């Protein structure tokens, strides 16, 4: 339950950062050129990759916790079998 709240708050922060960067990029586009949307593309890619790597970090952390718990339970099961 606690980790779910962390995920939600992290995604909200990423969204807020993305919106801020998007507004910053939009305020700097003064002329109409063929590459005026490159700033938006950069912001979208940055926010997407940032979110992806944060997601990978938390998934790997959860996987490590589950592996440790599985090892603990296996040891406990072996103790139960010995008795």
C-alpha atoms as a PDB file:
ATOM      1  CA  UNK A   1       0.000   0.000   0.000  1.00  0.00           C
ATOM      2  CA  UNK A   2       2.787   2.388   0.909  1.00  0.00           C
ATOM      3  CA  UNK A   3       4.743   1.679  -2.275  1.00  0.00           C
ATOM      4  CA  UNK A   4       1.622   2.361  -4.365  1.00  0.00           C
ATOM      5  CA  UNK A   5       1.418   5.832  -2.872  1.00  0.00           C
ATOM      6  CA  UNK A   6       5.090   6.351  -3.709  1.00  0.00           C
ATOM      7  CA  UNK A   7       4.456   5.396  -7.337  1.00  0.00           C
ATOM      8  CA  UNK A   8       1.502   7.758  -7.578  1.00  0.00           C
ATOM      9  CA  UNK A   9       3.373  10.659  -6.031  1.00  0.00           C
ATOM     10  CA  UNK A  10       6.405  10.080  -8.249  1.00  0.00           C
ATOM     11  CA  UNK A  11       4.252  10.031 -11.367  1.00  0.00           C
ATOM     12  CA  UNK A  12       2.532  13.218 -10.245  1.00  0.00           C
ATOM     13  CA  UNK A  13       5.923  14.893  -9.774  1.00  0.00           C
ATOM     14  CA  UNK A  14       7.049  13.706 -13.205  1.00  0.00           C
ATOM     15  CA  UNK A  15       3.843  15.037 -14.719  1.00  0.00           C
ATOM     16  CA  UNK A  16       4.297  18.403 -13.020  1.00  0.00           C
ATOM     17  CA  UNK A  17       7.910  18.626 -14.192  1.00  0.00           C
ATOM     18  CA  UNK A  18       6.819  17.726 -17.711  1.00  0.00           C
ATOM     19  CA  UNK A  19       4.121  20.387 -17.717  1.00  0.00           C
ATOM     20  CA  UNK A  20       6.607  22.954 -16.406  1.00  0.00           C
ATOM     21  CA  UNK A  21       9.139  22.062 -19.096  1.00  0.00           C
ATOM     22  CA  UNK A  22       6.398  22.105 -21.711  1.00  0.00           C
ATOM     23  CA  UNK A  23       5.335  25.614 -20.650  1.00  0.00           C
ATOM     24  CA  UNK A  24       8.948  26.759 -20.592  1.00  0.00           C
ATOM     25  CA  UNK A  25       9.512  25.447 -24.096  1.00  0.00           C
ATOM     26  CA  UNK A  26       6.270  27.013 -25.292  1.00  0.00           C
ATOM     27  CA  UNK A  27       7.207  30.431 -23.931  1.00  0.00           C
ATOM     28  CA  UNK A  28      10.491  30.430 -25.857  1.00  0.00           C
ATOM     29  CA  UNK A  29       8.996  29.706 -29.263  1.00  0.00           C
ATOM     30  CA  UNK A  30       8.518  33.188 -30.698  1.00  0.00           C
ATOM     31  CA  UNK A  31       8.880  32.551 -34.406  1.00  0.00           C
ATOM     32  CA  UNK A  32       7.062  30.138 -36.651  1.00  0.00           C
ATOM     33  CA  UNK A  33       9.665  27.838 -38.125  1.00  0.00           C
ATOM     34  CA  UNK A  34       9.675  24.322 -39.440  1.00  0.00           C
ATOM     35  CA  UNK A  35      11.432  23.075 -36.307  1.00  0.00           C
ATOM     36  CA  UNK A  36       9.396  24.939 -33.703  1.00  0.00           C
ATOM     37  CA  UNK A  37       7.945  21.710 -32.386  1.00  0.00           C
ATOM     38  CA  UNK A  38      11.336  20.154 -31.656  1.00  0.00           C
ATOM     39  CA  UNK A  39      11.250  21.675 -28.185  1.00  0.00           C
ATOM     40  CA  UNK A  40       7.967  19.911 -27.464  1.00  0.00           C
ATOM     41  CA  UNK A  41       9.343  16.670 -28.814  1.00  0.00           C
ATOM     42  CA  UNK A  42      12.415  16.989 -26.597  1.00  0.00           C
ATOM     43  CA  UNK A  43      10.253  17.645 -23.523  1.00  0.00           C
ATOM     44  CA  UNK A  44       7.994  14.696 -24.303  1.00  0.00           C
ATOM     45  CA  UNK A  45      10.939  12.344 -24.800  1.00  0.00           C
ATOM     46  CA  UNK A  46      12.668  13.584 -21.652  1.00  0.00           C
ATOM     47  CA  UNK A  47       9.596  13.111 -19.475  1.00  0.00           C
ATOM     48  CA  UNK A  48       8.842   9.712 -21.019  1.00  0.00           C
ATOM     49  CA  UNK A  49      12.366   8.345 -20.537  1.00  0.00           C
ATOM     50  CA  UNK A  50      12.590   9.774 -17.031  1.00  0.00           C
ATOM     51  CA  UNK A  51       9.338   8.062 -16.095  1.00  0.00           C
ATOM     52  CA  UNK A  52      10.493   4.821 -17.715  1.00  0.00           C
ATOM     53  CA  UNK A  53      13.778   4.713 -15.797  1.00  0.00           C
ATOM     54  CA  UNK A  54      12.089   5.557 -12.512  1.00  0.00           C
ATOM     55  CA  UNK A  55       9.605   2.757 -13.198  1.00  0.00           C
ATOM     56  CA  UNK A  56      12.464   0.336 -13.919  1.00  0.00           C
ATOM     57  CA  UNK A  57      14.192   1.369 -10.703  1.00  0.00           C
ATOM     58  CA  UNK A  58      11.133   0.605  -8.578  1.00  0.00           C
ATOM     59  CA  UNK A  59      10.411  -2.646 -10.414  1.00  0.00           C
ATOM     60  CA  UNK A  60      13.976  -3.872  -9.858  1.00  0.00           C
ATOM     61  CA  UNK A  61      13.774  -2.859  -6.201  1.00  0.00           C
ATOM     62  CA  UNK A  62      10.505  -4.768  -5.777  1.00  0.00           C
ATOM     63  CA  UNK A  63      11.971  -7.782  -7.584  1.00  0.00           C
ATOM     64  CA  UNK A  64      14.931  -7.816  -5.194  1.00  0.00           C
ATOM     65  CA  UNK A  65      12.584  -7.648  -2.189  1.00  0.00           C
ATOM     66  CA  UNK A  66      10.521 -10.547  -3.552  1.00  0.00           C
ATOM     67  CA  UNK A  67      13.662 -12.603  -4.190  1.00  0.00           C
ATOM     68  CA  UNK A  68      14.834 -12.043  -0.614  1.00  0.00           C
ATOM     69  CA  UNK A  69      11.417 -12.984   0.735  1.00  0.00           C
ATOM     70  CA  UNK A  70      11.357 -16.134  -1.404  1.00  0.00           C
ATOM     71  CA  UNK A  71      14.785 -17.159  -0.083  1.00  0.00           C
ATOM     72  CA  UNK A  72      13.628 -16.548   3.476  1.00  0.00           C
ATOM     73  CA  UNK A  73      10.500 -18.630   2.964  1.00  0.00           C
ATOM     74  CA  UNK A  74      12.535 -21.431   1.377  1.00  0.00           C
ATOM     75  CA  UNK A  75      14.817 -21.513   4.413  1.00  0.00           C
ATOM     76  CA  UNK A  76      11.816 -21.558   6.735  1.00  0.00           C
ATOM     77  CA  UNK A  77      10.298 -24.405   4.762  1.00  0.00           C
ATOM     78  CA  UNK A  78      13.530 -26.377   5.054  1.00  0.00           C
ATOM     79  CA  UNK A  79      13.493 -25.810   8.830  1.00  0.00           C
ATOM     80  CA  UNK A  80       9.927 -27.071   8.972  1.00  0.00           C
ATOM     81  CA  UNK A  81      10.836 -30.195   7.031  1.00  0.00           C
ATOM     82  CA  UNK A  82      13.766 -30.938   9.367  1.00  0.00           C
ATOM     83  CA  UNK A  83      11.469 -30.952  12.403  1.00  0.00           C
END
